[in-house]
Every structure is written in C-alpha cells, then in structure tokens.
C-alpha cells in the first residue's frame, strides 16, 4: 500500500510533490543527506580520492557518488582533477558561508535586542 500524500489528495498523483512526500515518509531524504555527509567527511579526511575509492566497501553506486560529487563540485567544495578524476574537499566555500551566516546572525541579534528593548521599554 502506497503512503497517502497531499498531492494524491488533491488529484495530482504523479506530481513532484507526491514523490517528495513519499521520500519523506520512507526516510529517503535522510539517507541521501547521510550519504552526502559521509562523502564530505571522507573527502575532508585528507588525500584526494577517485570515485572507485569513494564507493569501495559501500552499497552506494558509482552513479550515486558521481551525482553527489557534481553537486559539491558545482558549489565549489569539491573541485575535480580531470586528469585523474581525483576529488578532494576544499573548505573555502564553507568558510565563506560561515562568515556570511555569522554576519547575518549578528544583524538578527541586534534587531532582536532592539525589539526586546522596545517591548520591555
């Protein structure tokens, strides 16, 4: 029996929303996120690795690893060396994002402090 989804309820049984709701109900999104994190952790541990090395000892297919590497490569976190197809982790984009999020957090802290002083005034 298929899980009931909001898309099926409104009559769009083959929509992206149905697939998304199904993925949530089966924990597929969690598995994908865990796969991505395991991949980043492996690459961040040190030396560049090939796709074969990244899939070794796992149930993950080369196609799945390649798909995730493309996403990370697009974000600049895993530049691929094309001459040997070795991949390594570059933390620079994450460092930039962390700095940006720190600035945004500081702005929110200031706004919330002003709001608190106005409310408690």
PDB file of N, CA and C in Angstrom:
ATOM      1  N   UNK A   1       0.839  -1.179   0.000  1.00  0.00           N
ATOM      2  CA  UNK A   1       0.000   0.000   0.000  1.00  0.00           C
ATOM      3  C   UNK A   1       0.883   1.242   0.000  1.00  0.00           C
ATOM      4  N   UNK A   2       0.600   2.169  -0.923  1.00  0.00           N
ATOM      5  CA  UNK A   2       1.369   3.404  -1.013  1.00  0.00           C
ATOM      6  C   UNK A   2       0.951   4.366   0.084  1.00  0.00           C
ATOM      7  N   UNK A   3       1.915   5.122   0.605  1.00  0.00           N
ATOM      8  CA  UNK A   3       1.539   6.134   1.579  1.00  0.00           C
ATOM      9  C   UNK A   3       0.683   7.203   0.936  1.00  0.00           C
ATOM     10  N   UNK A   4      -0.282   7.693   1.661  1.00  0.00           N
ATOM     11  CA  UNK A   4      -1.149   8.744   1.151  1.00  0.00           C
ATOM     12  C   UNK A   4      -0.416  10.071   1.229  1.00  0.00           C
ATOM     13  N   UNK A   5      -0.467  10.829   0.157  1.00  0.00           N
ATOM     14  CA  UNK A   5       0.238  12.109   0.127  1.00  0.00           C
ATOM     15  C   UNK A   5      -0.742  13.228  -0.146  1.00  0.00           C
ATOM     16  N   UNK A   6      -0.321  14.441   0.154  1.00  0.00           N
ATOM     17  CA  UNK A   6      -1.181  15.590  -0.088  1.00  0.00           C
ATOM     18  C   UNK A   6      -1.458  15.773  -1.569  1.00  0.00           C
ATOM     19  N   UNK A   7      -0.495  15.428  -2.431  1.00  0.00           N
ATOM     20  CA  UNK A   7      -0.710  15.562  -3.872  1.00  0.00           C
ATOM     21  C   UNK A   7      -1.781  14.595  -4.345  1.00  0.00           C
ATOM     22  N   UNK A   8      -1.764  13.376  -3.813  1.00  0.00           N
ATOM     23  CA  UNK A   8      -2.779  12.401  -4.208  1.00  0.00           C
ATOM     24  C   UNK A   8      -4.151  12.873  -3.752  1.00  0.00           C
ATOM     25  N   UNK A   9      -4.215  13.515  -2.613  1.00  0.00           N
ATOM     26  CA  UNK A   9      -5.475  14.008  -2.086  1.00  0.00           C
ATOM     27  C   UNK A   9      -6.064  15.065  -2.999  1.00  0.00           C
ATOM     28  N   UNK A  10      -5.223  15.910  -3.570  1.00  0.00           N
ATOM     29  CA  UNK A  10      -5.756  16.956  -4.446  1.00  0.00           C
ATOM     30  C   UNK A  10      -5.794  16.536  -5.910  1.00  0.00           C
ATOM     31  N   UNK A  11      -5.466  15.267  -6.192  1.00  0.00           N
ATOM     32  CA  UNK A  11      -5.654  14.734  -7.523  1.00  0.00           C
ATOM     33  C   UNK A  11      -4.464  14.781  -8.452  1.00  0.00           C
ATOM     34  N   UNK A  12      -3.275  15.076  -7.978  1.00  0.00           N
ATOM     35  CA  UNK A  12      -2.099  15.091  -8.835  1.00  0.00           C
ATOM     36  C   UNK A  12      -1.209  13.918  -8.441  1.00  0.00           C
ATOM     37  N   UNK A  13      -1.624  12.734  -8.784  1.00  0.00           N
ATOM     38  CA  UNK A  13      -0.953  11.535  -8.276  1.00  0.00           C
ATOM     39  C   UNK A  13       0.455  11.324  -8.812  1.00  0.00           C
ATOM     40  N   UNK A  14       0.832  11.970  -9.896  1.00  0.00           N
ATOM     41  CA  UNK A  14       2.172  11.760 -10.449  1.00  0.00           C
ATOM     42  C   UNK A  14       3.032  13.018 -10.381  1.00  0.00           C
ATOM     43  N   UNK A  15       2.734  13.889  -9.473  1.00  0.00           N
ATOM     44  CA  UNK A  15       3.494  15.138  -9.385  1.00  0.00           C
ATOM     45  C   UNK A  15       4.756  14.977  -8.561  1.00  0.00           C
ATOM     46  N   UNK A  16       5.599  15.979  -8.650  1.00  0.00           N
ATOM     47  CA  UNK A  16       6.834  16.004  -7.861  1.00  0.00           C
ATOM     48  C   UNK A  16       6.513  16.012  -6.376  1.00  0.00           C
ATOM     49  N   UNK A  17       5.430  16.668  -5.996  1.00  0.00           N
ATOM     50  CA  UNK A  17       5.027  16.720  -4.607  1.00  0.00           C
ATOM     51  C   UNK A  17       4.769  15.326  -4.064  1.00  0.00           C
ATOM     52  N   UNK A  18       4.182  14.458  -4.868  1.00  0.00           N
ATOM     53  CA  UNK A  18       3.924  13.090  -4.433  1.00  0.00           C
ATOM     54  C   UNK A  18       5.223  12.370  -4.152  1.00  0.00           C
ATOM     55  N   UNK A  19       6.184  12.505  -5.030  1.00  0.00           N
ATOM     56  CA  UNK A  19       7.482  11.860  -4.849  1.00  0.00           C
ATOM     57  C   UNK A  19       8.165  12.407  -3.604  1.00  0.00           C
ATOM     58  N   UNK A  20       8.089  13.715  -3.413  1.00  0.00           N
ATOM     59  CA  UNK A  20       8.699  14.333  -2.240  1.00  0.00           C
ATOM     60  C   UNK A  20       8.052  13.829  -0.959  1.00  0.00           C
ATOM     61  N   UNK A  21       6.733  13.775  -0.934  1.00  0.00           N
ATOM     62  CA  UNK A  21       6.043  13.284   0.254  1.00  0.00           C
ATOM     63  C   UNK A  21       6.383  11.817   0.506  1.00  0.00           C
ATOM     64  N   UNK A  22       6.466  11.034  -0.548  1.00  0.00           N
ATOM     65  CA  UNK A  22       6.827   9.624  -0.396  1.00  0.00           C
ATOM     66  C   UNK A  22       8.244   9.496   0.144  1.00  0.00           C
ATOM     67  N   UNK A  23       9.162  10.313  -0.376  1.00  0.00           N
ATOM     68  CA  UNK A  23      10.543  10.256   0.086  1.00  0.00           C
ATOM     69  C   UNK A  23      10.624  10.585   1.573  1.00  0.00           C
ATOM     70  N   UNK A  24       9.863  11.578   1.995  1.00  0.00           N
ATOM     71  CA  UNK A  24       9.862  11.924   3.420  1.00  0.00           C
ATOM     72  C   UNK A  24       9.331  10.779   4.257  1.00  0.00           C
ATOM     73  N   UNK A  25       8.271  10.131   3.780  1.00  0.00           N
ATOM     74  CA  UNK A  25       7.656   9.071   4.570  1.00  0.00           C
ATOM     75  C   UNK A  25       8.537   7.843   4.680  1.00  0.00           C
ATOM     76  N   UNK A  26       9.452   7.650   3.751  1.00  0.00           N
ATOM     77  CA  UNK A  26      10.309   6.468   3.792  1.00  0.00           C
ATOM     78  C   UNK A  26      11.706   6.759   4.320  1.00  0.00           C
ATOM     79  N   UNK A  27      11.987   7.992   4.609  1.00  0.00           N
ATOM     80  CA  UNK A  27      13.297   8.341   5.135  1.00  0.00           C
ATOM     81  C   UNK A  27      14.368   8.463   4.063  1.00  0.00           C
ATOM     82  N   UNK A  28      13.973   8.511   2.796  1.00  0.00           N
ATOM     83  CA  UNK A  28      14.937   8.583   1.708  1.00  0.00           C
ATOM     84  C   UNK A  28      15.763   9.861   1.779  1.00  0.00           C
ATOM     85  N   UNK A  29      15.125  10.957   2.118  1.00  0.00           N
ATOM     86  CA  UNK A  29      15.871  12.217   2.220  1.00  0.00           C
ATOM     87  C   UNK A  29      16.954  12.125   3.286  1.00  0.00           C
ATOM     88  N   UNK A  30      16.658  11.473   4.379  1.00  0.00           N
ATOM     89  CA  UNK A  30      17.649  11.315   5.438  1.00  0.00           C
ATOM     90  C   UNK A  30      18.820  10.488   4.945  1.00  0.00           C
ATOM     91  N   UNK A  31      18.536   9.436   4.198  1.00  0.00           N
ATOM     92  CA  UNK A  31      19.597   8.591   3.669  1.00  0.00           C
ATOM     93  C   UNK A  31      20.476   9.372   2.702  1.00  0.00           C
ATOM     94  N   UNK A  32      19.878  10.180   1.855  1.00  0.00           N
ATOM     95  CA  UNK A  32      20.641  10.977   0.900  1.00  0.00           C
ATOM     96  C   UNK A  32      21.515  11.978   1.642  1.00  0.00           C
ATOM     97  N   UNK A  33      20.966  12.636   2.649  1.00  0.00           N
ATOM     98  CA  UNK A  33      21.747  13.595   3.438  1.00  0.00           C
ATOM     99  C   UNK A  33      22.900  12.895   4.147  1.00  0.00           C
ATOM    100  N   UNK A  34      22.645  11.710   4.686  1.00  0.00           N
ATOM    101  CA  UNK A  34      23.711  10.956   5.351  1.00  0.00           C
ATOM    102  C   UNK A  34      24.789  10.553   4.355  1.00  0.00           C
ATOM    103  N   UNK A  35      24.388  10.202   3.137  1.00  0.00           N
ATOM    104  CA  UNK A  35      25.348   9.847   2.093  1.00  0.00           C
ATOM    105  C   UNK A  35      26.226  11.039   1.755  1.00  0.00           C
ATOM    106  N   UNK A  36      25.609  12.209   1.606  1.00  0.00           N
ATOM    107  CA  UNK A  36      26.373  13.424   1.306  1.00  0.00           C
ATOM    108  C   UNK A  36      27.361  13.735   2.415  1.00  0.00           C
ATOM    109  N   UNK A  37      26.902  13.653   3.655  1.00  0.00           N
ATOM    110  CA  UNK A  37      27.792  13.963   4.775  1.00  0.00           C
ATOM    111  C   UNK A  37      28.931  12.958   4.878  1.00  0.00           C
ATOM    112  N   UNK A  38      28.634  11.686   4.645  1.00  0.00           N
ATOM    113  CA  UNK A  38      29.691  10.669   4.675  1.00  0.00           C
ATOM    114  C   UNK A  38      30.716  10.944   3.579  1.00  0.00           C
ATOM    115  N   UNK A  39      30.239  11.350   2.412  1.00  0.00           N
ATOM    116  CA  UNK A  39      31.123  11.668   1.299  1.00  0.00           C
ATOM    117  C   UNK A  39      32.018  12.863   1.640  1.00  0.00           C
ATOM    118  N   UNK A  40      31.426  13.919   2.187  1.00  0.00           N
ATOM    119  CA  UNK A  40      32.204  15.100   2.578  1.00  0.00           C
ATOM    120  C   UNK A  40      33.213  14.729   3.658  1.00  0.00           C
ATOM    121  N   UNK A  41      32.783  13.944   4.643  1.00  0.00           N
ATOM    122  CA  UNK A  41      33.701  13.533   5.715  1.00  0.00           C
ATOM    123  C   UNK A  41      34.871  12.735   5.172  1.00  0.00           C
ATOM    124  N   UNK A  42      34.606  11.839   4.237  1.00  0.00           N
ATOM    125  CA  UNK A  42      35.671  11.034   3.635  1.00  0.00           C
ATOM    126  C   UNK A  42      36.650  11.925   2.879  1.00  0.00           C
ATOM    127  N   UNK A  43      36.110  12.840   2.083  1.00  0.00           N
ATOM    128  CA  UNK A  43      36.973  13.718   1.296  1.00  0.00           C
ATOM    129  C   UNK A  43      37.737  14.708   2.180  1.00  0.00           C
ATOM    130  N   UNK A  44      37.114  15.164   3.250  1.00  0.00           N
ATOM    131  CA  UNK A  44      37.761  16.130   4.133  1.00  0.00           C
ATOM    132  C   UNK A  44      38.848  15.490   4.990  1.00  0.00           C
ATOM    133  N   UNK A  45      38.867  14.173   5.038  1.00  0.00           N
ATOM    134  CA  UNK A  45      39.834  13.472   5.881  1.00  0.00           C
ATOM    135  C   UNK A  45      41.263  13.570   5.366  1.00  0.00           C
ATOM    136  N   UNK A  46      41.428  13.966   4.112  1.00  0.00           N
ATOM    137  CA  UNK A  46      42.808  14.095   3.657  1.00  0.00           C
ATOM    138  C   UNK A  46      42.994  13.998   2.170  1.00  0.00           C
ATOM    139  N   UNK A  47      43.578  12.932   1.730  1.00  0.00           N
ATOM    140  CA  UNK A  47      44.059  12.808   0.356  1.00  0.00           C
ATOM    141  C   UNK A  47      42.935  12.734  -0.677  1.00  0.00           C
ATOM    142  N   UNK A  48      43.222  13.185  -1.904  1.00  0.00           N
ATOM    143  CA  UNK A  48      42.249  13.086  -2.998  1.00  0.00           C
ATOM    144  C   UNK A  48      41.894  11.625  -3.271  1.00  0.00           C
ATOM    145  N   UNK A  49      40.642  11.411  -3.668  1.00  0.00           N
ATOM    146  CA  UNK A  49      40.174  10.048  -3.914  1.00  0.00           C
ATOM    147  C   UNK A  49      39.419   9.960  -5.221  1.00  0.00           C
ATOM    148  N   UNK A  50      39.489   8.774  -5.806  1.00  0.00           N
ATOM    149  CA  UNK A  50      38.739   8.505  -7.031  1.00  0.00           C
ATOM    150  C   UNK A  50      37.336   8.038  -6.663  1.00  0.00           C
ATOM    151  N   UNK A  51      36.461   7.994  -7.656  1.00  0.00           N
ATOM    152  CA  UNK A  51      35.106   7.515  -7.421  1.00  0.00           C
ATOM    153  C   UNK A  51      35.139   6.061  -6.957  1.00  0.00           C
ATOM    154  N   UNK A  52      36.019   5.258  -7.538  1.00  0.00           N
ATOM    155  CA  UNK A  52      36.131   3.857  -7.125  1.00  0.00           C
ATOM    156  C   UNK A  52      36.528   3.757  -5.653  1.00  0.00           C
ATOM    157  N   UNK A  53      37.436   4.610  -5.205  1.00  0.00           N
ATOM    158  CA  UNK A  53      37.834   4.607  -3.797  1.00  0.00           C
ATOM    159  C   UNK A  53      36.694   5.061  -2.895  1.00  0.00           C
ATOM    160  N   UNK A  54      35.901   6.006  -3.373  1.00  0.00           N
ATOM    161  CA  UNK A  54      34.785   6.515  -2.571  1.00  0.00           C
ATOM    162  C   UNK A  54      33.642   5.503  -2.453  1.00  0.00           C
ATOM    163  N   UNK A  55      33.481   4.649  -3.448  1.00  0.00           N
ATOM    164  CA  UNK A  55      32.412   3.655  -3.382  1.00  0.00           C
ATOM    165  C   UNK A  55      32.875   2.347  -2.741  1.00  0.00           C
ATOM    166  N   UNK A  56      34.163   2.159  -2.607  1.00  0.00           N
ATOM    167  CA  UNK A  56      34.696   0.913  -2.068  1.00  0.00           C
ATOM    168  C   UNK A  56      34.159   0.598  -0.682  1.00  0.00           C
ATOM    169  N   UNK A  57      33.661  -0.620  -0.509  1.00  0.00           N
ATOM    170  CA  UNK A  57      33.154  -1.066   0.778  1.00  0.00           C
ATOM    171  C   UNK A  57      31.783  -0.530   1.145  1.00  0.00           C
ATOM    172  N   UNK A  58      31.088   0.086   0.199  1.00  0.00           N
ATOM    173  CA  UNK A  58      29.745   0.607   0.463  1.00  0.00           C
ATOM    174  C   UNK A  58      28.756   0.006  -0.516  1.00  0.00           C
ATOM    175  N   UNK A  59      27.485   0.236  -0.261  1.00  0.00           N
ATOM    176  CA  UNK A  59      26.429  -0.201  -1.177  1.00  0.00           C
ATOM    177  C   UNK A  59      26.066   0.890  -2.173  1.00  0.00           C
ATOM    178  N   UNK A  60      26.766   2.007  -2.093  1.00  0.00           N
ATOM    179  CA  UNK A  60      26.474   3.161  -2.935  1.00  0.00           C
ATOM    180  C   UNK A  60      27.067   2.933  -4.321  1.00  0.00           C
ATOM    181  N   UNK A  61      26.285   3.208  -5.353  1.00  0.00           N
ATOM    182  CA  UNK A  61      26.756   3.009  -6.719  1.00  0.00           C
ATOM    183  C   UNK A  61      27.664   4.154  -7.152  1.00  0.00           C
ATOM    184  N   UNK A  62      28.443   3.896  -8.176  1.00  0.00           N
ATOM    185  CA  UNK A  62      29.306   4.954  -8.723  1.00  0.00           C
ATOM    186  C   UNK A  62      28.479   6.112  -9.256  1.00  0.00           C
ATOM    187  N   UNK A  63      27.328   5.788  -9.843  1.00  0.00           N
ATOM    188  CA  UNK A  63      26.450   6.840 -10.370  1.00  0.00           C
ATOM    189  C   UNK A  63      25.955   7.741  -9.242  1.00  0.00           C
ATOM    190  N   UNK A  64      25.612   7.159  -8.103  1.00  0.00           N
ATOM    191  CA  UNK A  64      25.138   7.956  -6.962  1.00  0.00           C
ATOM    192  C   UNK A  64      26.248   8.858  -6.434  1.00  0.00           C
ATOM    193  N   UNK A  65      27.453   8.318  -6.325  1.00  0.00           N
ATOM    194  CA  UNK A  65      28.589   9.124  -5.863  1.00  0.00           C
ATOM    195  C   UNK A  65      28.874  10.243  -6.865  1.00  0.00           C
ATOM    196  N   UNK A  66      28.843   9.922  -8.150  1.00  0.00           N
ATOM    197  CA  UNK A  66      29.092  10.921  -9.183  1.00  0.00           C
ATOM    198  C   UNK A  66      28.074  12.051  -9.102  1.00  0.00           C
ATOM    199  N   UNK A  67      26.818  11.704  -8.897  1.00  0.00           N
ATOM    200  CA  UNK A  67      25.761  12.709  -8.792  1.00  0.00           C
ATOM    201  C   UNK A  67      26.037  13.663  -7.623  1.00  0.00           C
ATOM    202  N   UNK A  68      26.406  13.115  -6.493  1.00  0.00           N
ATOM    203  CA  UNK A  68      26.681  13.942  -5.325  1.00  0.00           C
ATOM    204  C   UNK A  68      27.946  14.763  -5.499  1.00  0.00           C
ATOM    205  N   UNK A  69      28.946  14.181  -6.163  1.00  0.00           N
ATOM    206  CA  UNK A  69      30.180  14.926  -6.433  1.00  0.00           C
ATOM    207  C   UNK A  69      29.912  16.112  -7.350  1.00  0.00           C
ATOM    208  N   UNK A  70      29.025  15.941  -8.324  1.00  0.00           N
ATOM    209  CA  UNK A  70      28.690  17.050  -9.229  1.00  0.00           C
ATOM    210  C   UNK A  70      28.063  18.205  -8.464  1.00  0.00           C
ATOM    211  N   UNK A  71      27.187  17.889  -7.520  1.00  0.00           N
ATOM    212  CA  UNK A  71      26.554  18.935  -6.712  1.00  0.00           C
ATOM    213  C   UNK A  71      27.610  19.662  -5.887  1.00  0.00           C
ATOM    214  N   UNK A  72      28.479  18.896  -5.230  1.00  0.00           N
ATOM    215  CA  UNK A  72      29.538  19.502  -4.417  1.00  0.00           C
ATOM    216  C   UNK A  72      30.533  20.274  -5.277  1.00  0.00           C
ATOM    217  N   UNK A  73      30.802  19.758  -6.464  1.00  0.00           N
ATOM    218  CA  UNK A  73      31.708  20.448  -7.391  1.00  0.00           C
ATOM    219  C   UNK A  73      31.091  21.760  -7.847  1.00  0.00           C
ATOM    220  N   UNK A  74      29.792  21.752  -8.127  1.00  0.00           N
ATOM    221  CA  UNK A  74      29.096  22.966  -8.528  1.00  0.00           C
ATOM    222  C   UNK A  74      29.121  24.036  -7.441  1.00  0.00           C
ATOM    223  N   UNK A  75      29.145  23.601  -6.188  1.00  0.00           N
ATOM    224  CA  UNK A  75      29.210  24.528  -5.062  1.00  0.00           C
ATOM    225  C   UNK A  75      30.638  24.977  -4.774  1.00  0.00           C
ATOM    226  N   UNK A  76      31.599  24.390  -5.477  1.00  0.00           N
ATOM    227  CA  UNK A  76      32.989  24.760  -5.285  1.00  0.00           C
ATOM    228  C   UNK A  76      33.686  24.046  -4.145  1.00  0.00           C
ATOM    229  N   UNK A  77      32.981  23.127  -3.478  1.00  0.00           N
ATOM    230  CA  UNK A  77      33.562  22.429  -2.332  1.00  0.00           C
ATOM    231  C   UNK A  77      34.411  21.234  -2.713  1.00  0.00           C
ATOM    232  N   UNK A  78      34.191  20.698  -3.913  1.00  0.00           N
ATOM    233  CA  UNK A  78      34.939  19.522  -4.350  1.00  0.00           C
ATOM    234  C   UNK A  78      35.373  19.718  -5.799  1.00  0.00           C
ATOM    235  N   UNK A  79      36.466  20.478  -5.992  1.00  0.00           N
ATOM    236  CA  UNK A  79      36.951  20.633  -7.364  1.00  0.00           C
ATOM    237  C   UNK A  79      37.561  19.320  -7.845  1.00  0.00           C
ATOM    238  N   UNK A  80      37.166  18.856  -9.010  1.00  0.00           N
ATOM    239  CA  UNK A  80      37.673  17.589  -9.526  1.00  0.00           C
ATOM    240  C   UNK A  80      38.894  17.780 -10.391  1.00  0.00           C
ATOM    241  N   UNK A  81      39.871  16.955 -10.172  1.00  0.00           N
ATOM    242  CA  UNK A  81      41.062  16.967 -11.025  1.00  0.00           C
ATOM    243  C   UNK A  81      40.755  16.102 -12.233  1.00  0.00           C
ATOM    244  N   UNK A  82      40.577  16.702 -13.364  1.00  0.00           N
ATOM    245  CA  UNK A  82      40.128  15.986 -14.554  1.00  0.00           C
ATOM    246  C   UNK A  82      41.150  15.001 -15.115  1.00  0.00           C
ATOM    247  N   UNK A  83      42.403  15.216 -14.868  1.00  0.00           N
ATOM    248  CA  UNK A  83      43.401  14.337 -15.473  1.00  0.00           C
ATOM    249  C   UNK A  83      43.429  12.961 -14.817  1.00  0.00           C
ATOM    250  N   UNK A  84      42.989  12.826 -13.612  1.00  0.00           N
ATOM    251  CA  UNK A  84      42.948  11.517 -12.979  1.00  0.00           C
ATOM    252  C   UNK A  84      41.609  11.275 -12.325  1.00  0.00           C
ATOM    253  N   UNK A  85      40.702  12.245 -12.473  1.00  0.00           N
ATOM    254  CA  UNK A  85      39.389  12.200 -11.856  1.00  0.00           C
ATOM    255  C   UNK A  85      39.490  11.926 -10.361  1.00  0.00           C
ATOM    256  N   UNK A  86      40.413  12.642  -9.741  1.00  0.00           N
ATOM    257  CA  UNK A  86      40.550  12.579  -8.294  1.00  0.00           C
ATOM    258  C   UNK A  86      39.805  13.765  -7.691  1.00  0.00           C
ATOM    259  N   UNK A  87      39.171  13.525  -6.587  1.00  0.00           N
ATOM    260  CA  UNK A  87      38.378  14.567  -5.945  1.00  0.00           C
ATOM    261  C   UNK A  87      38.899  14.796  -4.536  1.00  0.00           C
ATOM    262  N   UNK A  88      38.927  16.069  -4.144  1.00  0.00           N
ATOM    263  CA  UNK A  88      39.319  16.413  -2.788  1.00  0.00           C
ATOM    264  C   UNK A  88      38.426  17.539  -2.292  1.00  0.00           C
ATOM    265  N   UNK A  89      38.371  17.697  -0.995  1.00  0.00           N
ATOM    266  CA  UNK A  89      37.494  18.678  -0.370  1.00  0.00           C
ATOM    267  C   UNK A  89      38.200  20.013  -0.226  1.00  0.00           C
ATOM    268  N   UNK A  90      37.517  21.097  -0.596  1.00  0.00           N
ATOM    269  CA  UNK A  90      38.032  22.453  -0.426  1.00  0.00           C
ATOM    270  C   UNK A  90      37.094  23.183   0.546  1.00  0.00           C
ATOM    271  N   UNK A  91      37.535  23.443   1.765  1.00  0.00           N
ATOM    272  CA  UNK A  91      36.648  24.065   2.753  1.00  0.00           C
ATOM    273  C   UNK A  91      36.410  25.562   2.544  1.00  0.00           C
ATOM    274  N   UNK A  92      37.105  26.190   1.601  1.00  0.00           N
ATOM    275  CA  UNK A  92      36.986  27.646   1.414  1.00  0.00           C
ATOM    276  C   UNK A  92      35.541  28.118   1.209  1.00  0.00           C
ATOM    277  N   UNK A  93      34.739  27.482   0.332  1.00  0.00           N
ATOM    278  CA  UNK A  93      33.356  27.957   0.178  1.00  0.00           C
ATOM    279  C   UNK A  93      32.550  27.854   1.473  1.00  0.00           C
ATOM    280  N   UNK A  94      32.808  26.840   2.272  1.00  0.00           N
ATOM    281  CA  UNK A  94      32.086  26.715   3.535  1.00  0.00           C
ATOM    282  C   UNK A  94      32.547  27.767   4.542  1.00  0.00           C
ATOM    283  N   UNK A  95      33.811  28.105   4.496  1.00  0.00           N
ATOM    284  CA  UNK A  95      34.338  29.148   5.372  1.00  0.00           C
ATOM    285  C   UNK A  95      33.695  30.486   5.024  1.00  0.00           C
ATOM    286  N   UNK A  96      33.558  30.755   3.725  1.00  0.00           N
ATOM    287  CA  UNK A  96      32.899  31.984   3.279  1.00  0.00           C
ATOM    288  C   UNK A  96      31.448  32.008   3.737  1.00  0.00           C
ATOM    289  N   UNK A  97      30.764  30.869   3.607  1.00  0.00           N
ATOM    290  CA  UNK A  97      29.363  30.784   4.018  1.00  0.00           C
ATOM    291  C   UNK A  97      29.237  30.966   5.527  1.00  0.00           C
ATOM    292  N   UNK A  98      30.161  30.384   6.280  1.00  0.00           N
ATOM    293  CA  UNK A  98      30.137  30.530   7.729  1.00  0.00           C
ATOM    294  C   UNK A  98      30.308  31.998   8.126  1.00  0.00           C
ATOM    295  N   UNK A  99      31.203  32.708   7.460  1.00  0.00           N
ATOM    296  CA  UNK A  99      31.409  34.124   7.741  1.00  0.00           C
ATOM    297  C   UNK A  99      30.141  34.924   7.423  1.00  0.00           C
ATOM    298  N   UNK A 100      29.518  34.625   6.289  1.00  0.00           N
ATOM    299  CA  UNK A 100      28.281  35.306   5.908  1.00  0.00           C
ATOM    300  C   UNK A 100      27.183  35.048   6.942  1.00  0.00           C
ATOM    301  N   UNK A 101      27.014  33.794   7.318  1.00  0.00           N
ATOM    302  CA  UNK A 101      25.978  33.459   8.297  1.00  0.00           C
ATOM    303  C   UNK A 101      26.259  34.105   9.651  1.00  0.00           C
ATOM    304  N   UNK A 102      27.528  34.258   9.987  1.00  0.00           N
ATOM    305  CA  UNK A 102      27.887  34.962  11.218  1.00  0.00           C
ATOM    306  C   UNK A 102      27.445  36.418  11.181  1.00  0.00           C
ATOM    307  N   UNK A 103      27.646  37.061  10.014  1.00  0.00           N
ATOM    308  CA  UNK A 103      27.205  38.459   9.868  1.00  0.00           C
ATOM    309  C   UNK A 103      25.692  38.564   9.963  1.00  0.00           C
ATOM    310  N   UNK A 104      24.981  37.646   9.321  1.00  0.00           N
ATOM    311  CA  UNK A 104      23.517  37.659   9.369  1.00  0.00           C
ATOM    312  C   UNK A 104      23.038  37.414  10.795  1.00  0.00           C
ATOM    313  N   UNK A 105      23.662  36.481  11.497  1.00  0.00           N
ATOM    314  CA  UNK A 105      23.282  36.201  12.880  1.00  0.00           C
ATOM    315  C   UNK A 105      23.482  37.434  13.760  1.00  0.00           C
ATOM    316  N   UNK A 106      24.571  38.145  13.544  1.00  0.00           N
ATOM    317  CA  UNK A 106      24.842  39.363  14.314  1.00  0.00           C
ATOM    318  C   UNK A 106      23.775  40.413  14.052  1.00  0.00           C
ATOM    319  N   UNK A 107      23.373  40.558  12.790  1.00  0.00           N
ATOM    320  CA  UNK A 107      22.316  41.516  12.455  1.00  0.00           C
ATOM    321  C   UNK A 107      21.011  41.149  13.160  1.00  0.00           C
ATOM    322  N   UNK A 108      20.672  39.874  13.146  1.00  0.00           N
ATOM    323  CA  UNK A 108      19.452  39.425  13.812  1.00  0.00           C
ATOM    324  C   UNK A 108      19.542  39.652  15.316  1.00  0.00           C
ATOM    325  N   UNK A 109      20.697  39.395  15.900  1.00  0.00           N
ATOM    326  CA  UNK A 109      20.872  39.641  17.330  1.00  0.00           C
ATOM    327  C   UNK A 109      20.618  41.105  17.664  1.00  0.00           C
ATOM    328  N   UNK A 110      21.127  42.006  16.813  1.00  0.00           N
ATOM    329  CA  UNK A 110      20.922  43.436  17.036  1.00  0.00           C
ATOM    330  C   UNK A 110      19.444  43.821  16.905  1.00  0.00           C
ATOM    331  N   UNK A 111      18.778  43.297  15.884  1.00  0.00           N
ATOM    332  CA  UNK A 111      17.358  43.595  15.672  1.00  0.00           C
ATOM    333  C   UNK A 111      16.528  43.067  16.837  1.00  0.00           C
ATOM    334  N   UNK A 112      16.815  41.853  17.268  1.00  0.00           N
ATOM    335  CA  UNK A 112      16.052  41.278  18.378  1.00  0.00           C
ATOM    336  C   UNK A 112      16.309  42.021  19.689  1.00  0.00           C
ATOM    337  N   UNK A 113      17.527  42.498  19.881  1.00  0.00           N
ATOM    338  CA  UNK A 113      17.833  43.286  21.081  1.00  0.00           C
ATOM    339  C   UNK A 113      17.045  44.594  21.073  1.00  0.00           C
ATOM    340  N   UNK A 114      16.968  45.242  19.895  1.00  0.00           N
ATOM    341  CA  UNK A 114      16.181  46.488  19.796  1.00  0.00           C
ATOM    342  C   UNK A 114      14.701  46.208  20.042  1.00  0.00           C
ATOM    343  N   UNK A 115      14.201  45.113  19.484  1.00  0.00           N
ATOM    344  CA  UNK A 115      12.797  44.741  19.686  1.00  0.00           C
ATOM    345  C   UNK A 115      12.526  44.473  21.159  1.00  0.00           C
ATOM    346  N   UNK A 116      13.430  43.769  21.801  1.00  0.00           N
ATOM    347  CA  UNK A 116      13.259  43.467  23.226  1.00  0.00           C
ATOM    348  C   UNK A 116      13.211  44.764  24.050  1.00  0.00           C
ATOM    349  N   UNK A 117      14.099  45.702  23.736  1.00  0.00           N
ATOM    350  CA  UNK A 117      14.109  46.956  24.493  1.00  0.00           C
ATOM    351  C   UNK A 117      12.826  47.764  24.251  1.00  0.00           C
ATOM    352  N   UNK A 118      12.289  47.705  23.027  1.00  0.00           N
ATOM    353  CA  UNK A 118      11.027  48.391  22.734  1.00  0.00           C
ATOM    354  C   UNK A 118       9.858  47.752  23.462  1.00  0.00           C
ATOM    355  N   UNK A 119       9.820  46.425  23.479  1.00  0.00           N
ATOM    356  CA  UNK A 119       8.720  45.716  24.110  1.00  0.00           C
ATOM    357  C   UNK A 119       8.762  45.882  25.631  1.00  0.00           C
ATOM    358  N   UNK A 120       9.965  45.765  26.185  1.00  0.00           N
ATOM    359  CA  UNK A 120      10.102  45.868  27.641  1.00  0.00           C
ATOM    360  C   UNK A 120      10.170  47.318  28.104  1.00  0.00           C
ATOM    361  N   UNK A 121      10.434  48.222  27.181  1.00  0.00           N
ATOM    362  CA  UNK A 121      10.580  49.611  27.310  1.00  0.00           C
ATOM    363  C   UNK A 121      10.338  50.379  28.465  1.00  0.00           C
TER     364      UNK A 121
END
